[in-house]
Amino acid sequence: MFGGMAQLNHLLTNHAAAHILGLTDRQLKALVRSSDVPRVELPNGETRFVEQDLWTWIEAHKQRAGGAVS
């Protein structure tokens, strides 16, 4: 699988995931500690992110102007 969804399912580093979310690496690490950001914990203790999971999480956390959840 080399196109479409396959590309969205590869594991991203903290830096790449932070870029998608518009955050710094440090901000993403803090967000991971304090929330339910979808992530993969590797056996060596490192964290990775599945791109499609990040986009799904973004959609689920969108809010309309005035604070109402869309």
PDB file of N, CA and C in Angstrom:
ATOM      1  N   MET A   1       0.853  -1.170   0.000  1.00  0.00           N
ATOM      2  CA  MET A   1       0.000   0.000   0.000  1.00  0.00           C
ATOM      3  C   MET A   1       0.898   1.231   0.000  1.00  0.00           C
ATOM      4  N   PHE A   2       0.825   2.010  -1.055  1.00  0.00           N
ATOM      5  CA  PHE A   2       1.706   3.158  -1.157  1.00  0.00           C
ATOM      6  C   PHE A   2       0.975   4.473  -1.363  1.00  0.00           C
ATOM      7  N   GLY A   3      -0.330   4.483  -1.326  1.00  0.00           N
ATOM      8  CA  GLY A   3      -1.033   5.738  -1.560  1.00  0.00           C
ATOM      9  C   GLY A   3      -2.242   5.862  -0.664  1.00  0.00           C
ATOM     10  N   GLY A   4      -2.881   7.003  -0.732  1.00  0.00           N
ATOM     11  CA  GLY A   4      -4.116   7.215   0.003  1.00  0.00           C
ATOM     12  C   GLY A   4      -3.969   7.029   1.493  1.00  0.00           C
ATOM     13  N   MET A   5      -4.840   6.216   2.045  1.00  0.00           N
ATOM     14  CA  MET A   5      -4.881   6.005   3.489  1.00  0.00           C
ATOM     15  C   MET A   5      -3.596   5.402   4.038  1.00  0.00           C
ATOM     16  N   ALA A   6      -2.903   4.616   3.260  1.00  0.00           N
ATOM     17  CA  ALA A   6      -1.672   3.994   3.756  1.00  0.00           C
ATOM     18  C   ALA A   6      -0.693   5.051   4.234  1.00  0.00           C
ATOM     19  N   GLN A   7      -0.611   6.172   3.524  1.00  0.00           N
ATOM     20  CA  GLN A   7       0.302   7.227   3.926  1.00  0.00           C
ATOM     21  C   GLN A   7      -0.151   7.899   5.204  1.00  0.00           C
ATOM     22  N   LEU A   8      -1.434   7.911   5.500  1.00  0.00           N
ATOM     23  CA  LEU A   8      -1.949   8.534   6.715  1.00  0.00           C
ATOM     24  C   LEU A   8      -1.779   7.640   7.931  1.00  0.00           C
ATOM     25  N   ASN A   9      -1.413   6.386   7.732  1.00  0.00           N
ATOM     26  CA  ASN A   9      -1.318   5.455   8.851  1.00  0.00           C
ATOM     27  C   ASN A   9       0.109   5.180   9.295  1.00  0.00           C
ATOM     28  N   HIS A  10       1.091   5.874   8.737  1.00  0.00           N
ATOM     29  CA  HIS A  10       2.456   5.644   9.187  1.00  0.00           C
ATOM     30  C   HIS A  10       2.701   6.390  10.501  1.00  0.00           C
ATOM     31  N   LEU A  11       3.695   5.946  11.239  1.00  0.00           N
ATOM     32  CA  LEU A  11       3.986   6.552  12.540  1.00  0.00           C
ATOM     33  C   LEU A  11       4.803   7.824  12.380  1.00  0.00           C
ATOM     34  N   LEU A  12       4.396   8.851  13.098  1.00  0.00           N
ATOM     35  CA  LEU A  12       5.067  10.143  13.059  1.00  0.00           C
ATOM     36  C   LEU A  12       5.841  10.379  14.347  1.00  0.00           C
ATOM     37  N   THR A  13       6.931  11.083  14.232  1.00  0.00           N
ATOM     38  CA  THR A  13       7.684  11.508  15.413  1.00  0.00           C
ATOM     39  C   THR A  13       6.932  12.643  16.103  1.00  0.00           C
ATOM     40  N   ASN A  14       7.385  12.987  17.298  1.00  0.00           N
ATOM     41  CA  ASN A  14       6.815  14.110  18.032  1.00  0.00           C
ATOM     42  C   ASN A  14       6.894  15.387  17.183  1.00  0.00           C
ATOM     43  N   HIS A  15       8.023  15.595  16.549  1.00  0.00           N
ATOM     44  CA  HIS A  15       8.223  16.807  15.754  1.00  0.00           C
ATOM     45  C   HIS A  15       7.229  16.890  14.593  1.00  0.00           C
ATOM     46  N   ALA A  16       7.046  15.785  13.878  1.00  0.00           N
ATOM     47  CA  ALA A  16       6.117  15.764  12.740  1.00  0.00           C
ATOM     48  C   ALA A  16       4.676  15.945  13.205  1.00  0.00           C
ATOM     49  N   ALA A  17       4.309  15.310  14.315  1.00  0.00           N
ATOM     50  CA  ALA A  17       2.951  15.441  14.841  1.00  0.00           C
ATOM     51  C   ALA A  17       2.704  16.871  15.328  1.00  0.00           C
ATOM     52  N   ALA A  18       3.687  17.464  15.966  1.00  0.00           N
ATOM     53  CA  ALA A  18       3.562  18.840  16.438  1.00  0.00           C
ATOM     54  C   ALA A  18       3.320  19.776  15.257  1.00  0.00           C
ATOM     55  N   HIS A  19       3.990  19.528  14.163  1.00  0.00           N
ATOM     56  CA  HIS A  19       3.818  20.348  12.961  1.00  0.00           C
ATOM     57  C   HIS A  19       2.371  20.279  12.461  1.00  0.00           C
ATOM     58  N   ILE A  20       1.804  19.093  12.420  1.00  0.00           N
ATOM     59  CA  ILE A  20       0.417  18.919  11.978  1.00  0.00           C
ATOM     60  C   ILE A  20      -0.537  19.676  12.892  1.00  0.00           C
ATOM     61  N   LEU A  21      -0.255  19.644  14.194  1.00  0.00           N
ATOM     62  CA  LEU A  21      -1.134  20.286  15.167  1.00  0.00           C
ATOM     63  C   LEU A  21      -0.850  21.777  15.340  1.00  0.00           C
ATOM     64  N   GLY A  22       0.202  22.267  14.702  1.00  0.00           N
ATOM     65  CA  GLY A  22       0.538  23.677  14.828  1.00  0.00           C
ATOM     66  C   GLY A  22       1.123  24.023  16.180  1.00  0.00           C
ATOM     67  N   LEU A  23       1.851  23.067  16.760  1.00  0.00           N
ATOM     68  CA  LEU A  23       2.444  23.245  18.080  1.00  0.00           C
ATOM     69  C   LEU A  23       3.954  23.096  18.005  1.00  0.00           C
ATOM     70  N   THR A  24       4.624  23.507  19.071  1.00  0.00           N
ATOM     71  CA  THR A  24       6.037  23.206  19.201  1.00  0.00           C
ATOM     72  C   THR A  24       6.158  21.793  19.768  1.00  0.00           C
ATOM     73  N   ASP A  25       7.343  21.224  19.682  1.00  0.00           N
ATOM     74  CA  ASP A  25       7.568  19.895  20.261  1.00  0.00           C
ATOM     75  C   ASP A  25       7.233  19.906  21.753  1.00  0.00           C
ATOM     76  N   ARG A  26       7.657  20.942  22.433  1.00  0.00           N
ATOM     77  CA  ARG A  26       7.421  21.051  23.884  1.00  0.00           C
ATOM     78  C   ARG A  26       5.918  21.144  24.193  1.00  0.00           C
ATOM     79  N   GLN A  27       5.191  21.920  23.408  1.00  0.00           N
ATOM     80  CA  GLN A  27       3.748  22.037  23.618  1.00  0.00           C
ATOM     81  C   GLN A  27       3.046  20.708  23.420  1.00  0.00           C
ATOM     82  N   LEU A  28       3.466  19.948  22.414  1.00  0.00           N
ATOM     83  CA  LEU A  28       2.844  18.644  22.181  1.00  0.00           C
ATOM     84  C   LEU A  28       3.139  17.696  23.336  1.00  0.00           C
ATOM     85  N   LYS A  29       4.362  17.692  23.824  1.00  0.00           N
ATOM     86  CA  LYS A  29       4.691  16.822  24.962  1.00  0.00           C
ATOM     87  C   LYS A  29       3.816  17.155  26.159  1.00  0.00           C
ATOM     88  N   ALA A  30       3.587  18.434  26.422  1.00  0.00           N
ATOM     89  CA  ALA A  30       2.726  18.844  27.536  1.00  0.00           C
ATOM     90  C   ALA A  30       1.282  18.407  27.290  1.00  0.00           C
ATOM     91  N   LEU A  31       0.815  18.540  26.047  1.00  0.00           N
ATOM     92  CA  LEU A  31      -0.542  18.134  25.704  1.00  0.00           C
ATOM     93  C   LEU A  31      -0.717  16.626  25.888  1.00  0.00           C
ATOM     94  N   VAL A  32       0.281  15.862  25.506  1.00  0.00           N
ATOM     95  CA  VAL A  32       0.221  14.407  25.664  1.00  0.00           C
ATOM     96  C   VAL A  32       0.094  14.042  27.147  1.00  0.00           C
ATOM     97  N   ARG A  33       0.846  14.736  27.993  1.00  0.00           N
ATOM     98  CA  ARG A  33       0.790  14.448  29.433  1.00  0.00           C
ATOM     99  C   ARG A  33      -0.559  14.806  30.046  1.00  0.00           C
ATOM    100  N   SER A  34      -1.245  15.803  29.482  1.00  0.00           N
ATOM    101  CA  SER A  34      -2.453  16.308  30.124  1.00  0.00           C
ATOM    102  C   SER A  34      -3.755  15.951  29.410  1.00  0.00           C
ATOM    103  N   SER A  35      -3.698  15.204  28.325  1.00  0.00           N
ATOM    104  CA  SER A  35      -4.943  14.936  27.599  1.00  0.00           C
ATOM    105  C   SER A  35      -4.927  13.571  26.927  1.00  0.00           C
ATOM    106  N   ASP A  36      -5.943  13.388  26.108  1.00  0.00           N
ATOM    107  CA  ASP A  36      -6.168  12.108  25.439  1.00  0.00           C
ATOM    108  C   ASP A  36      -5.690  12.107  23.992  1.00  0.00           C
ATOM    109  N   VAL A  37      -4.648  12.851  23.686  1.00  0.00           N
ATOM    110  CA  VAL A  37      -4.126  12.858  22.317  1.00  0.00           C
ATOM    111  C   VAL A  37      -3.765  11.417  21.938  1.00  0.00           C
ATOM    112  N   PRO A  38      -4.282  10.921  20.810  1.00  0.00           N
ATOM    113  CA  PRO A  38      -3.983   9.536  20.439  1.00  0.00           C
ATOM    114  C   PRO A  38      -2.502   9.365  20.115  1.00  0.00           C
ATOM    115  N   ARG A  39      -1.924   8.331  20.670  1.00  0.00           N
ATOM    116  CA  ARG A  39      -0.492   8.096  20.494  1.00  0.00           C
ATOM    117  C   ARG A  39      -0.180   6.619  20.618  1.00  0.00           C
ATOM    118  N   VAL A  40       1.012   6.265  20.195  1.00  0.00           N
ATOM    119  CA  VAL A  40       1.511   4.899  20.306  1.00  0.00           C
ATOM    120  C   VAL A  40       2.750   4.954  21.197  1.00  0.00           C
ATOM    121  N   GLU A  41       2.733   4.198  22.260  1.00  0.00           N
ATOM    122  CA  GLU A  41       3.896   4.109  23.143  1.00  0.00           C
ATOM    123  C   GLU A  41       4.720   2.902  22.704  1.00  0.00           C
ATOM    124  N   LEU A  42       5.926   3.145  22.260  1.00  0.00           N
ATOM    125  CA  LEU A  42       6.802   2.073  21.798  1.00  0.00           C
ATOM    126  C   LEU A  42       7.477   1.382  22.978  1.00  0.00           C
ATOM    127  N   PRO A  43       7.914   0.136  22.787  1.00  0.00           N
ATOM    128  CA  PRO A  43       8.564  -0.607  23.877  1.00  0.00           C
ATOM    129  C   PRO A  43       9.789   0.113  24.462  1.00  0.00           C
ATOM    130  N   ASN A  44      10.446   0.939  23.661  1.00  0.00           N
ATOM    131  CA  ASN A  44      11.630   1.638  24.165  1.00  0.00           C
ATOM    132  C   ASN A  44      11.276   2.939  24.894  1.00  0.00           C
ATOM    133  N   GLY A  45       9.973   3.202  25.078  1.00  0.00           N
ATOM    134  CA  GLY A  45       9.526   4.375  25.812  1.00  0.00           C
ATOM    135  C   GLY A  45       9.250   5.593  24.945  1.00  0.00           C
ATOM    136  N   GLU A  46       9.603   5.531  23.667  1.00  0.00           N
ATOM    137  CA  GLU A  46       9.337   6.664  22.784  1.00  0.00           C
ATOM    138  C   GLU A  46       7.866   6.695  22.397  1.00  0.00           C
ATOM    139  N   THR A  47       7.409   7.870  22.018  1.00  0.00           N
ATOM    140  CA  THR A  47       6.024   8.065  21.605  1.00  0.00           C
ATOM    141  C   THR A  47       5.982   8.368  20.116  1.00  0.00           C
ATOM    142  N   ARG A  48       5.020   7.785  19.435  1.00  0.00           N
ATOM    143  CA  ARG A  48       4.790   8.067  18.026  1.00  0.00           C
ATOM    144  C   ARG A  48       3.300   8.350  17.848  1.00  0.00           C
ATOM    145  N   PHE A  49       2.953   8.901  16.708  1.00  0.00           N
ATOM    146  CA  PHE A  49       1.581   9.302  16.431  1.00  0.00           C
ATOM    147  C   PHE A  49       1.187   8.798  15.047  1.00  0.00           C
ATOM    148  N   VAL A  50      -0.058   8.337  14.910  1.00  0.00           N
ATOM    149  CA  VAL A  50      -0.591   7.917  13.619  1.00  0.00           C
ATOM    150  C   VAL A  50      -1.289   9.137  13.027  1.00  0.00           C
ATOM    151  N   GLU A  51      -0.876   9.544  11.825  1.00  0.00           N
ATOM    152  CA  GLU A  51      -1.383  10.783  11.242  1.00  0.00           C
ATOM    153  C   GLU A  51      -2.907  10.804  11.172  1.00  0.00           C
ATOM    154  N   GLN A  52      -3.519   9.745  10.692  1.00  0.00           N
ATOM    155  CA  GLN A  52      -4.979   9.716  10.586  1.00  0.00           C
ATOM    156  C   GLN A  52      -5.627   9.896  11.954  1.00  0.00           C
ATOM    157  N   ASP A  53      -5.050   9.320  13.005  1.00  0.00           N
ATOM    158  CA  ASP A  53      -5.591   9.497  14.357  1.00  0.00           C
ATOM    159  C   ASP A  53      -5.550  10.960  14.782  1.00  0.00           C
ATOM    160  N   LEU A  54      -4.484  11.666  14.395  1.00  0.00           N
ATOM    161  CA  LEU A  54      -4.391  13.087  14.737  1.00  0.00           C
ATOM    162  C   LEU A  54      -5.479  13.893  14.042  1.00  0.00           C
ATOM    163  N   TRP A  55      -5.711  13.611  12.747  1.00  0.00           N
ATOM    164  CA  TRP A  55      -6.760  14.339  12.032  1.00  0.00           C
ATOM    165  C   TRP A  55      -8.132  14.040  12.613  1.00  0.00           C
ATOM    166  N   THR A  56      -8.374  12.803  13.008  1.00  0.00           N
ATOM    167  CA  THR A  56      -9.643  12.431  13.637  1.00  0.00           C
ATOM    168  C   THR A  56      -9.807  13.156  14.962  1.00  0.00           C
ATOM    169  N   TRP A  57      -8.719  13.217  15.741  1.00  0.00           N
ATOM    170  CA  TRP A  57      -8.744  13.901  17.034  1.00  0.00           C
ATOM    171  C   TRP A  57      -9.016  15.397  16.837  1.00  0.00           C
ATOM    172  N   ILE A  58      -8.402  16.003  15.830  1.00  0.00           N
ATOM    173  CA  ILE A  58      -8.632  17.423  15.536  1.00  0.00           C
ATOM    174  C   ILE A  58     -10.117  17.645  15.231  1.00  0.00           C
ATOM    175  N   GLU A  59     -10.688  16.819  14.375  1.00  0.00           N
ATOM    176  CA  GLU A  59     -12.101  16.962  14.018  1.00  0.00           C
ATOM    177  C   GLU A  59     -12.995  16.837  15.252  1.00  0.00           C
ATOM    178  N   ALA A  60     -12.678  15.915  16.131  1.00  0.00           N
ATOM    179  CA  ALA A  60     -13.483  15.693  17.333  1.00  0.00           C
ATOM    180  C   ALA A  60     -13.384  16.852  18.322  1.00  0.00           C
ATOM    181  N   HIS A  61     -12.321  17.638  18.235  1.00  0.00           N
ATOM    182  CA  HIS A  61     -12.109  18.718  19.196  1.00  0.00           C
ATOM    183  C   HIS A  61     -12.344  20.107  18.605  1.00  0.00           C
ATOM    184  N   LYS A  62     -12.850  20.172  17.396  1.00  0.00           N
ATOM    185  CA  LYS A  62     -13.181  21.470  16.799  1.00  0.00           C
ATOM    186  C   LYS A  62     -14.334  22.107  17.568  1.00  0.00           C
ATOM    187  N   GLN A  63     -14.260  23.423  17.667  1.00  0.00           N
ATOM    188  CA  GLN A  63     -15.348  24.172  18.295  1.00  0.00           C
ATOM    189  C   GLN A  63     -15.759  25.305  17.377  1.00  0.00           C
ATOM    190  N   ARG A  64     -17.023  25.598  17.407  1.00  0.00           N
ATOM    191  CA  ARG A  64     -17.548  26.731  16.645  1.00  0.00           C
ATOM    192  C   ARG A  64     -17.285  28.013  17.440  1.00  0.00           C
ATOM    193  N   ALA A  65     -17.357  29.142  16.747  1.00  0.00           N
ATOM    194  CA  ALA A  65     -17.237  30.428  17.434  1.00  0.00           C
ATOM    195  C   ALA A  65     -18.262  30.488  18.550  1.00  0.00           C
ATOM    196  N   GLY A  66     -17.857  30.993  19.682  1.00  0.00           N
ATOM    197  CA  GLY A  66     -18.754  31.062  20.837  1.00  0.00           C
ATOM    198  C   GLY A  66     -18.624  29.869  21.746  1.00  0.00           C
ATOM    199  N   GLY A  67     -17.767  28.891  21.375  1.00  0.00           N
ATOM    200  CA  GLY A  67     -17.482  27.770  22.258  1.00  0.00           C
ATOM    201  C   GLY A  67     -18.345  26.551  22.082  1.00  0.00           C
ATOM    202  N   ALA A  68     -19.359  26.596  21.224  1.00  0.00           N
ATOM    203  CA  ALA A  68     -20.204  25.421  21.022  1.00  0.00           C
ATOM    204  C   ALA A  68     -19.439  24.386  20.187  1.00  0.00           C
ATOM    205  N   VAL A  69     -19.505  23.151  20.623  1.00  0.00           N
ATOM    206  CA  VAL A  69     -18.822  22.068  19.907  1.00  0.00           C
ATOM    207  C   VAL A  69     -19.579  21.792  18.630  1.00  0.00           C
ATOM    208  N   SER A  70     -18.826  21.630  17.537  1.00  0.00           N
ATOM    209  CA  SER A  70     -19.487  21.350  16.243  1.00  0.00           C
ATOM    210  C   SER A  70     -19.802  19.888  16.103  1.00  0.00           C
TER     211      SER A  70
END
